[in-house]
Amino acid sequence: MGECQHVDAYARRLEEQLKAGEIEKWEPGRDYPLDINGIYIGTYHPHFEVHYFDGRLDFVEIVCLANFTEHLPRTIFDALYGRMPGTRLLIIRP
């Protein structure tokens, strides 16, 4: 990963949770195209996707910049996935 030390540390934490049987699987986030009313806005790429045995799914965003605002990812996530039961956006501020 390497984007910041906190991303690598969180990946290690997820691997520990996987080995302990706390999560079904985790994977690096993938690209999600952002289209609003047929207009391509850009791509959202969370750091991680965490899958649980009960079907829940977490999108994990690690905040490495002091001046990062979570408003845009939160707004985008809510617009795209906010109505999907059991789906959350986690914004981690180390």
PDB file of N, CA and C in Angstrom:
ATOM      1  N   MET A   1       0.844  -1.181   0.000  1.00  0.00           N
ATOM      2  CA  MET A   1       0.000   0.000   0.000  1.00  0.00           C
ATOM      3  C   MET A   1       0.894   1.251   0.000  1.00  0.00           C
ATOM      4  N   GLY A   2       1.562   1.515   1.135  1.00  0.00           N
ATOM      5  CA  GLY A   2       2.595   2.516   1.182  1.00  0.00           C
ATOM      6  C   GLY A   2       2.164   3.969   1.144  1.00  0.00           C
ATOM      7  N   GLU A   3       0.892   4.266   0.981  1.00  0.00           N
ATOM      8  CA  GLU A   3       0.466   5.652   0.876  1.00  0.00           C
ATOM      9  C   GLU A   3       0.848   6.436   2.127  1.00  0.00           C
ATOM     10  N   CYS A   4       0.649   5.853   3.256  1.00  0.00           N
ATOM     11  CA  CYS A   4       1.140   6.393   4.517  1.00  0.00           C
ATOM     12  C   CYS A   4       1.271   5.218   5.477  1.00  0.00           C
ATOM     13  N   GLN A   5       2.025   5.414   6.525  1.00  0.00           N
ATOM     14  CA  GLN A   5       2.273   4.306   7.456  1.00  0.00           C
ATOM     15  C   GLN A   5       0.987   3.778   8.068  1.00  0.00           C
ATOM     16  N   HIS A   6      -0.029   4.596   8.181  1.00  0.00           N
ATOM     17  CA  HIS A   6      -1.283   4.173   8.795  1.00  0.00           C
ATOM     18  C   HIS A   6      -2.052   3.193   7.909  1.00  0.00           C
ATOM     19  N   VAL A   7      -1.916   3.326   6.597  1.00  0.00           N
ATOM     20  CA  VAL A   7      -2.570   2.397   5.680  1.00  0.00           C
ATOM     21  C   VAL A   7      -1.948   1.012   5.847  1.00  0.00           C
ATOM     22  N   ASP A   8      -0.628   0.954   5.900  1.00  0.00           N
ATOM     23  CA  ASP A   8       0.059  -0.323   6.095  1.00  0.00           C
ATOM     24  C   ASP A   8      -0.305  -0.942   7.443  1.00  0.00           C
ATOM     25  N   ALA A   9      -0.372  -0.115   8.471  1.00  0.00           N
ATOM     26  CA  ALA A   9      -0.720  -0.614   9.809  1.00  0.00           C
ATOM     27  C   ALA A   9      -2.152  -1.159   9.826  1.00  0.00           C
ATOM     28  N   TYR A  10      -3.062  -0.484   9.148  1.00  0.00           N
ATOM     29  CA  TYR A  10      -4.451  -0.953   9.110  1.00  0.00           C
ATOM     30  C   TYR A  10      -4.547  -2.272   8.340  1.00  0.00           C
ATOM     31  N   ALA A  11      -3.751  -2.424   7.287  1.00  0.00           N
ATOM     32  CA  ALA A  11      -3.737  -3.684   6.543  1.00  0.00           C
ATOM     33  C   ALA A  11      -3.265  -4.829   7.443  1.00  0.00           C
ATOM     34  N   ARG A  12      -2.264  -4.575   8.267  1.00  0.00           N
ATOM     35  CA  ARG A  12      -1.804  -5.601   9.209  1.00  0.00           C
ATOM     36  C   ARG A  12      -2.901  -5.947  10.210  1.00  0.00           C
ATOM     37  N   ARG A  13      -3.615  -4.928  10.671  1.00  0.00           N
ATOM     38  CA  ARG A  13      -4.726  -5.148  11.606  1.00  0.00           C
ATOM     39  C   ARG A  13      -5.816  -6.011  10.964  1.00  0.00           C
ATOM     40  N   LEU A  14      -6.134  -5.731   9.710  1.00  0.00           N
ATOM     41  CA  LEU A  14      -7.144  -6.524   9.004  1.00  0.00           C
ATOM     42  C   LEU A  14      -6.681  -7.964   8.844  1.00  0.00           C
ATOM     43  N   GLU A  15      -5.408  -8.153   8.572  1.00  0.00           N
ATOM     44  CA  GLU A  15      -4.883  -9.512   8.424  1.00  0.00           C
ATOM     45  C   GLU A  15      -5.000 -10.277   9.740  1.00  0.00           C
ATOM     46  N   GLU A  16      -4.766  -9.598  10.859  1.00  0.00           N
ATOM     47  CA  GLU A  16      -4.932 -10.221  12.177  1.00  0.00           C
ATOM     48  C   GLU A  16      -6.388 -10.595  12.427  1.00  0.00           C
ATOM     49  N   GLN A  17      -7.308  -9.707  12.041  1.00  0.00           N
ATOM     50  CA  GLN A  17      -8.738  -9.993  12.206  1.00  0.00           C
ATOM     51  C   GLN A  17      -9.153 -11.183  11.344  1.00  0.00           C
ATOM     52  N   LEU A  18      -8.588 -11.289  10.152  1.00  0.00           N
ATOM     53  CA  LEU A  18      -8.892 -12.403   9.264  1.00  0.00           C
ATOM     54  C   LEU A  18      -8.413 -13.720   9.893  1.00  0.00           C
ATOM     55  N   LYS A  19      -7.199 -13.731  10.386  1.00  0.00           N
ATOM     56  CA  LYS A  19      -6.648 -14.947  11.003  1.00  0.00           C
ATOM     57  C   LYS A  19      -7.419 -15.341  12.259  1.00  0.00           C
ATOM     58  N   ALA A  20      -7.970 -14.351  12.972  1.00  0.00           N
ATOM     59  CA  ALA A  20      -8.737 -14.618  14.188  1.00  0.00           C
ATOM     60  C   ALA A  20     -10.178 -15.019  13.882  1.00  0.00           C
ATOM     61  N   GLY A  21     -10.574 -14.982  12.612  1.00  0.00           N
ATOM     62  CA  GLY A  21     -11.929 -15.358  12.234  1.00  0.00           C
ATOM     63  C   GLY A  21     -12.967 -14.281  12.497  1.00  0.00           C
ATOM     64  N   GLU A  22     -12.522 -13.035  12.677  1.00  0.00           N
ATOM     65  CA  GLU A  22     -13.440 -11.929  12.959  1.00  0.00           C
ATOM     66  C   GLU A  22     -14.079 -11.366  11.693  1.00  0.00           C
ATOM     67  N   ILE A  23     -13.407 -11.539  10.564  1.00  0.00           N
ATOM     68  CA  ILE A  23     -13.937 -11.061   9.290  1.00  0.00           C
ATOM     69  C   ILE A  23     -13.832 -12.185   8.268  1.00  0.00           C
ATOM     70  N   GLU A  24     -14.683 -12.128   7.254  1.00  0.00           N
ATOM     71  CA  GLU A  24     -14.668 -13.147   6.202  1.00  0.00           C
ATOM     72  C   GLU A  24     -13.485 -12.939   5.268  1.00  0.00           C
ATOM     73  N   LYS A  25     -13.311 -11.678   4.830  1.00  0.00           N
ATOM     74  CA  LYS A  25     -12.181 -11.340   3.968  1.00  0.00           C
ATOM     75  C   LYS A  25     -12.010  -9.831   3.935  1.00  0.00           C
ATOM     76  N   TRP A  26     -10.846  -9.424   3.480  1.00  0.00           N
ATOM     77  CA  TRP A  26     -10.604  -8.003   3.223  1.00  0.00           C
ATOM     78  C   TRP A  26      -9.800  -7.919   1.934  1.00  0.00           C
ATOM     79  N   GLU A  27      -9.909  -6.784   1.285  1.00  0.00           N
ATOM     80  CA  GLU A  27      -9.169  -6.577   0.052  1.00  0.00           C
ATOM     81  C   GLU A  27      -8.925  -5.093  -0.147  1.00  0.00           C
ATOM     82  N   PRO A  28      -7.894  -4.764  -0.915  1.00  0.00           N
ATOM     83  CA  PRO A  28      -7.702  -3.352  -1.245  1.00  0.00           C
ATOM     84  C   PRO A  28      -8.936  -2.833  -1.962  1.00  0.00           C
ATOM     85  N   GLY A  29      -9.252  -1.588  -1.719  1.00  0.00           N
ATOM     86  CA  GLY A  29     -10.409  -1.006  -2.387  1.00  0.00           C
ATOM     87  C   GLY A  29     -10.223  -0.984  -3.889  1.00  0.00           C
ATOM     88  N   ARG A  30     -11.330  -1.014  -4.588  1.00  0.00           N
ATOM     89  CA  ARG A  30     -11.282  -0.941  -6.045  1.00  0.00           C
ATOM     90  C   ARG A  30     -11.920   0.359  -6.499  1.00  0.00           C
ATOM     91  N   ASP A  31     -11.829   0.637  -7.758  1.00  0.00           N
ATOM     92  CA  ASP A  31     -12.395   1.867  -8.303  1.00  0.00           C
ATOM     93  C   ASP A  31     -13.904   1.749  -8.463  1.00  0.00           C
ATOM     94  N   TYR A  32     -14.594   2.772  -8.013  1.00  0.00           N
ATOM     95  CA  TYR A  32     -16.036   2.882  -8.199  1.00  0.00           C
ATOM     96  C   TYR A  32     -16.298   4.141  -9.012  1.00  0.00           C
ATOM     97  N   PRO A  33     -16.816   3.993 -10.230  1.00  0.00           N
ATOM     98  CA  PRO A  33     -17.089   5.175 -11.045  1.00  0.00           C
ATOM     99  C   PRO A  33     -18.211   6.002 -10.427  1.00  0.00           C
ATOM    100  N   LEU A  34     -18.050   7.291 -10.502  1.00  0.00           N
ATOM    101  CA  LEU A  34     -19.044   8.225  -9.964  1.00  0.00           C
ATOM    102  C   LEU A  34     -19.760   8.904 -11.120  1.00  0.00           C
ATOM    103  N   ASP A  35     -21.020   8.567 -11.269  1.00  0.00           N
ATOM    104  CA  ASP A  35     -21.855   9.171 -12.295  1.00  0.00           C
ATOM    105  C   ASP A  35     -23.053   9.810 -11.604  1.00  0.00           C
ATOM    106  N   ILE A  36     -23.313  11.048 -11.936  1.00  0.00           N
ATOM    107  CA  ILE A  36     -24.477  11.734 -11.405  1.00  0.00           C
ATOM    108  C   ILE A  36     -25.276  12.245 -12.594  1.00  0.00           C
ATOM    109  N   ASN A  37     -26.505  11.772 -12.686  1.00  0.00           N
ATOM    110  CA  ASN A  37     -27.386  12.154 -13.795  1.00  0.00           C
ATOM    111  C   ASN A  37     -26.716  11.916 -15.145  1.00  0.00           C
ATOM    112  N   GLY A  38     -25.990  10.797 -15.254  1.00  0.00           N
ATOM    113  CA  GLY A  38     -25.367  10.450 -16.521  1.00  0.00           C
ATOM    114  C   GLY A  38     -24.069  11.169 -16.826  1.00  0.00           C
ATOM    115  N   ILE A  39     -23.599  11.988 -15.900  1.00  0.00           N
ATOM    116  CA  ILE A  39     -22.353  12.727 -16.102  1.00  0.00           C
ATOM    117  C   ILE A  39     -21.268  12.094 -15.245  1.00  0.00           C
ATOM    118  N   TYR A  40     -20.178  11.693 -15.889  1.00  0.00           N
ATOM    119  CA  TYR A  40     -19.063  11.088 -15.167  1.00  0.00           C
ATOM    120  C   TYR A  40     -18.349  12.162 -14.342  1.00  0.00           C
ATOM    121  N   ILE A  41     -18.272  11.942 -13.031  1.00  0.00           N
ATOM    122  CA  ILE A  41     -17.653  12.903 -12.121  1.00  0.00           C
ATOM    123  C   ILE A  41     -16.214  12.525 -11.821  1.00  0.00           C
ATOM    124  N   GLY A  42     -15.966  11.256 -11.664  1.00  0.00           N
ATOM    125  CA  GLY A  42     -14.636  10.783 -11.318  1.00  0.00           C
ATOM    126  C   GLY A  42     -14.732   9.373 -10.775  1.00  0.00           C
ATOM    127  N   THR A  43     -13.741   8.995 -10.000  1.00  0.00           N
ATOM    128  CA  THR A  43     -13.671   7.651  -9.448  1.00  0.00           C
ATOM    129  C   THR A  43     -13.431   7.736  -7.951  1.00  0.00           C
ATOM    130  N   TYR A  44     -14.155   6.926  -7.208  1.00  0.00           N
ATOM    131  CA  TYR A  44     -13.925   6.812  -5.768  1.00  0.00           C
ATOM    132  C   TYR A  44     -13.157   5.521  -5.528  1.00  0.00           C
ATOM    133  N   HIS A  45     -12.102   5.598  -4.723  1.00  0.00           N
ATOM    134  CA  HIS A  45     -11.258   4.436  -4.450  1.00  0.00           C
ATOM    135  C   HIS A  45     -10.970   4.381  -2.947  1.00  0.00           C
ATOM    136  N   PRO A  46     -11.762   3.615  -2.180  1.00  0.00           N
ATOM    137  CA  PRO A  46     -11.472   3.485  -0.752  1.00  0.00           C
ATOM    138  C   PRO A  46     -10.185   2.685  -0.564  1.00  0.00           C
ATOM    139  N   HIS A  47      -9.572   2.822   0.589  1.00  0.00           N
ATOM    140  CA  HIS A  47      -8.350   2.062   0.859  1.00  0.00           C
ATOM    141  C   HIS A  47      -8.631   0.563   0.966  1.00  0.00           C
ATOM    142  N   PHE A  48      -9.714   0.212   1.660  1.00  0.00           N
ATOM    143  CA  PHE A  48     -10.020  -1.197   1.886  1.00  0.00           C
ATOM    144  C   PHE A  48     -11.513  -1.460   1.799  1.00  0.00           C
ATOM    145  N   GLU A  49     -11.841  -2.720   1.492  1.00  0.00           N
ATOM    146  CA  GLU A  49     -13.197  -3.227   1.608  1.00  0.00           C
ATOM    147  C   GLU A  49     -13.119  -4.416   2.555  1.00  0.00           C
ATOM    148  N   VAL A  50     -13.951  -4.389   3.601  1.00  0.00           N
ATOM    149  CA  VAL A  50     -13.935  -5.440   4.615  1.00  0.00           C
ATOM    150  C   VAL A  50     -15.284  -6.141   4.590  1.00  0.00           C
ATOM    151  N   HIS A  51     -15.252  -7.460   4.385  1.00  0.00           N
ATOM    152  CA  HIS A  51     -16.468  -8.270   4.287  1.00  0.00           C
ATOM    153  C   HIS A  51     -16.627  -9.091   5.561  1.00  0.00           C
ATOM    154  N   TYR A  52     -17.839  -9.086   6.108  1.00  0.00           N
ATOM    155  CA  TYR A  52     -18.151  -9.833   7.323  1.00  0.00           C
ATOM    156  C   TYR A  52     -18.988 -11.052   6.979  1.00  0.00           C
ATOM    157  N   PHE A  53     -18.980 -12.025   7.868  1.00  0.00           N
ATOM    158  CA  PHE A  53     -19.718 -13.264   7.652  1.00  0.00           C
ATOM    159  C   PHE A  53     -21.224 -13.055   7.561  1.00  0.00           C
ATOM    160  N   ASP A  54     -21.730 -11.988   8.199  1.00  0.00           N
ATOM    161  CA  ASP A  54     -23.181 -11.748   8.184  1.00  0.00           C
ATOM    162  C   ASP A  54     -23.634 -10.896   6.992  1.00  0.00           C
ATOM    163  N   GLY A  55     -22.717 -10.630   6.057  1.00  0.00           N
ATOM    164  CA  GLY A  55     -23.073  -9.881   4.857  1.00  0.00           C
ATOM    165  C   GLY A  55     -22.750  -8.398   4.913  1.00  0.00           C
ATOM    166  N   ARG A  56     -22.365  -7.897   6.084  1.00  0.00           N
ATOM    167  CA  ARG A  56     -22.001  -6.477   6.162  1.00  0.00           C
ATOM    168  C   ARG A  56     -20.755  -6.211   5.329  1.00  0.00           C
ATOM    169  N   LEU A  57     -20.624  -4.970   4.882  1.00  0.00           N
ATOM    170  CA  LEU A  57     -19.483  -4.549   4.090  1.00  0.00           C
ATOM    171  C   LEU A  57     -19.062  -3.165   4.559  1.00  0.00           C
ATOM    172  N   ASP A  58     -17.781  -3.024   4.896  1.00  0.00           N
ATOM    173  CA  ASP A  58     -17.234  -1.720   5.269  1.00  0.00           C
ATOM    174  C   ASP A  58     -16.311  -1.224   4.165  1.00  0.00           C
ATOM    175  N   PHE A  59     -16.471   0.027   3.783  1.00  0.00           N
ATOM    176  CA  PHE A  59     -15.505   0.723   2.951  1.00  0.00           C
ATOM    177  C   PHE A  59     -14.664   1.542   3.918  1.00  0.00           C
ATOM    178  N   VAL A  60     -13.351   1.348   3.907  1.00  0.00           N
ATOM    179  CA  VAL A  60     -12.477   2.003   4.884  1.00  0.00           C
ATOM    180  C   VAL A  60     -11.605   3.022   4.170  1.00  0.00           C
ATOM    181  N   GLU A  61     -11.637   4.235   4.681  1.00  0.00           N
ATOM    182  CA  GLU A  61     -10.866   5.357   4.156  1.00  0.00           C
ATOM    183  C   GLU A  61      -9.899   5.800   5.253  1.00  0.00           C
ATOM    184  N   ILE A  62      -8.597   5.726   5.010  1.00  0.00           N
ATOM    185  CA  ILE A  62      -7.589   6.165   5.966  1.00  0.00           C
ATOM    186  C   ILE A  62      -7.223   7.603   5.624  1.00  0.00           C
ATOM    187  N   VAL A  63      -7.339   8.486   6.587  1.00  0.00           N
ATOM    188  CA  VAL A  63      -7.047   9.897   6.371  1.00  0.00           C
ATOM    189  C   VAL A  63      -5.601  10.155   6.775  1.00  0.00           C
ATOM    190  N   CYS A  64      -4.755  10.435   5.783  1.00  0.00           N
ATOM    191  CA  CYS A  64      -3.335  10.645   6.043  1.00  0.00           C
ATOM    192  C   CYS A  64      -2.952  12.122   6.033  1.00  0.00           C
ATOM    193  N   LEU A  65      -3.809  12.964   5.527  1.00  0.00           N
ATOM    194  CA  LEU A  65      -3.501  14.395   5.429  1.00  0.00           C
ATOM    195  C   LEU A  65      -4.227  15.174   6.508  1.00  0.00           C
ATOM    196  N   ALA A  66      -3.516  16.069   7.149  1.00  0.00           N
ATOM    197  CA  ALA A  66      -4.096  16.837   8.250  1.00  0.00           C
ATOM    198  C   ALA A  66      -5.264  17.707   7.789  1.00  0.00           C
ATOM    199  N   ASN A  67      -5.220  18.187   6.561  1.00  0.00           N
ATOM    200  CA  ASN A  67      -6.261  19.106   6.098  1.00  0.00           C
ATOM    201  C   ASN A  67      -7.350  18.405   5.295  1.00  0.00           C
ATOM    202  N   PHE A  68      -7.375  17.085   5.317  1.00  0.00           N
ATOM    203  CA  PHE A  68      -8.389  16.330   4.583  1.00  0.00           C
ATOM    204  C   PHE A  68      -9.760  16.577   5.183  1.00  0.00           C
ATOM    205  N   THR A  69     -10.719  16.798   4.344  1.00  0.00           N
ATOM    206  CA  THR A  69     -12.088  16.922   4.812  1.00  0.00           C
ATOM    207  C   THR A  69     -12.852  15.671   4.401  1.00  0.00           C
ATOM    208  N   GLU A  70     -13.632  15.146   5.311  1.00  0.00           N
ATOM    209  CA  GLU A  70     -14.370  13.927   5.008  1.00  0.00           C
ATOM    210  C   GLU A  70     -15.700  14.211   4.331  1.00  0.00           C
ATOM    211  N   HIS A  71     -16.025  15.475   4.114  1.00  0.00           N
ATOM    212  CA  HIS A  71     -17.329  15.823   3.551  1.00  0.00           C
ATOM    213  C   HIS A  71     -17.551  15.188   2.178  1.00  0.00           C
ATOM    214  N   LEU A  72     -16.580  15.310   1.269  1.00  0.00           N
ATOM    215  CA  LEU A  72     -16.777  14.795  -0.080  1.00  0.00           C
ATOM    216  C   LEU A  72     -16.925  13.277  -0.098  1.00  0.00           C
ATOM    217  N   PRO A  73     -15.990  12.495   0.510  1.00  0.00           N
ATOM    218  CA  PRO A  73     -16.213  11.044   0.502  1.00  0.00           C
ATOM    219  C   PRO A  73     -17.528  10.645   1.163  1.00  0.00           C
ATOM    220  N   ARG A  74     -17.899  11.315   2.241  1.00  0.00           N
ATOM    221  CA  ARG A  74     -19.149  10.991   2.939  1.00  0.00           C
ATOM    222  C   ARG A  74     -20.339  11.275   2.033  1.00  0.00           C
ATOM    223  N   THR A  75     -20.352  12.408   1.371  1.00  0.00           N
ATOM    224  CA  THR A  75     -21.457  12.769   0.489  1.00  0.00           C
ATOM    225  C   THR A  75     -21.552  11.802  -0.688  1.00  0.00           C
ATOM    226  N   ILE A  76     -20.402  11.481  -1.272  1.00  0.00           N
ATOM    227  CA  ILE A  76     -20.385  10.547  -2.389  1.00  0.00           C
ATOM    228  C   ILE A  76     -20.879   9.176  -1.941  1.00  0.00           C
ATOM    229  N   PHE A  77     -20.365   8.701  -0.825  1.00  0.00           N
ATOM    230  CA  PHE A  77     -20.769   7.390  -0.326  1.00  0.00           C
ATOM    231  C   PHE A  77     -22.262   7.349  -0.044  1.00  0.00           C
ATOM    232  N   ASP A  78     -22.769   8.356   0.646  1.00  0.00           N
ATOM    233  CA  ASP A  78     -24.188   8.382   0.968  1.00  0.00           C
ATOM    234  C   ASP A  78     -25.045   8.371  -0.296  1.00  0.00           C
ATOM    235  N   ALA A  79     -24.615   9.102  -1.306  1.00  0.00           N
ATOM    236  CA  ALA A  79     -25.377   9.151  -2.553  1.00  0.00           C
ATOM    237  C   ALA A  79     -25.358   7.805  -3.269  1.00  0.00           C
ATOM    238  N   LEU A  80     -24.221   7.119  -3.235  1.00  0.00           N
ATOM    239  CA  LEU A  80     -24.095   5.872  -3.986  1.00  0.00           C
ATOM    240  C   LEU A  80     -24.532   4.639  -3.212  1.00  0.00           C
ATOM    241  N   TYR A  81     -24.190   4.567  -1.923  1.00  0.00           N
ATOM    242  CA  TYR A  81     -24.362   3.328  -1.176  1.00  0.00           C
ATOM    243  C   TYR A  81     -25.147   3.486   0.118  1.00  0.00           C
ATOM    244  N   GLY A  82     -25.550   4.686   0.443  1.00  0.00           N
ATOM    245  CA  GLY A  82     -26.191   4.950   1.721  1.00  0.00           C
ATOM    246  C   GLY A  82     -27.477   4.190   1.967  1.00  0.00           C
ATOM    247  N   ARG A  83     -28.104   3.726   0.910  1.00  0.00           N
ATOM    248  CA  ARG A  83     -29.361   2.989   1.058  1.00  0.00           C
ATOM    249  C   ARG A  83     -29.160   1.477   1.043  1.00  0.00           C
ATOM    250  N   MET A  84     -27.913   1.027   1.002  1.00  0.00           N
ATOM    251  CA  MET A  84     -27.638  -0.411   1.012  1.00  0.00           C
ATOM    252  C   MET A  84     -27.530  -0.867   2.466  1.00  0.00           C
ATOM    253  N   PRO A  85     -28.446  -1.682   2.944  1.00  0.00           N
ATOM    254  CA  PRO A  85     -28.393  -2.141   4.338  1.00  0.00           C
ATOM    255  C   PRO A  85     -27.076  -2.848   4.634  1.00  0.00           C
ATOM    256  N   GLY A  86     -26.534  -2.559   5.800  1.00  0.00           N
ATOM    257  CA  GLY A  86     -25.320  -3.233   6.247  1.00  0.00           C
ATOM    258  C   GLY A  86     -24.040  -2.716   5.629  1.00  0.00           C
ATOM    259  N   THR A  87     -24.096  -1.576   4.946  1.00  0.00           N
ATOM    260  CA  THR A  87     -22.905  -1.010   4.308  1.00  0.00           C
ATOM    261  C   THR A  87     -22.546   0.297   5.000  1.00  0.00           C
ATOM    262  N   ARG A  88     -21.255   0.434   5.373  1.00  0.00           N
ATOM    263  CA  ARG A  88     -20.802   1.632   6.080  1.00  0.00           C
ATOM    264  C   ARG A  88     -19.549   2.184   5.411  1.00  0.00           C
ATOM    265  N   LEU A  89     -19.320   3.474   5.600  1.00  0.00           N
ATOM    266  CA  LEU A  89     -18.063   4.112   5.251  1.00  0.00           C
ATOM    267  C   LEU A  89     -17.369   4.436   6.561  1.00  0.00           C
ATOM    268  N   LEU A  90     -16.164   3.910   6.751  1.00  0.00           N
ATOM    269  CA  LEU A  90     -15.374   4.213   7.942  1.00  0.00           C
ATOM    270  C   LEU A  90     -14.244   5.123   7.555  1.00  0.00           C
ATOM    271  N   ILE A  91     -14.163   6.288   8.181  1.00  0.00           N
ATOM    272  CA  ILE A  91     -13.069   7.221   7.932  1.00  0.00           C
ATOM    273  C   ILE A  91     -12.182   7.188   9.155  1.00  0.00           C
ATOM    274  N   ILE A  92     -10.936   6.734   8.969  1.00  0.00           N
ATOM    275  CA  ILE A  92      -9.999   6.529  10.069  1.00  0.00           C
ATOM    276  C   ILE A  92      -9.045   7.707  10.122  1.00  0.00           C
ATOM    277  N   ARG A  93      -9.000   8.372  11.256  1.00  0.00           N
ATOM    278  CA  ARG A  93      -8.049   9.467  11.477  1.00  0.00           C
ATOM    279  C   ARG A  93      -7.011   8.997  12.492  1.00  0.00           C
ATOM    280  N   PRO A  94      -5.826   8.596  12.005  1.00  0.00           N
ATOM    281  CA  PRO A  94      -4.791   8.095  12.929  1.00  0.00           C
ATOM    282  C   PRO A  94      -4.303   9.165  13.889  1.00  0.00           C
TER     283      PRO A  94
END
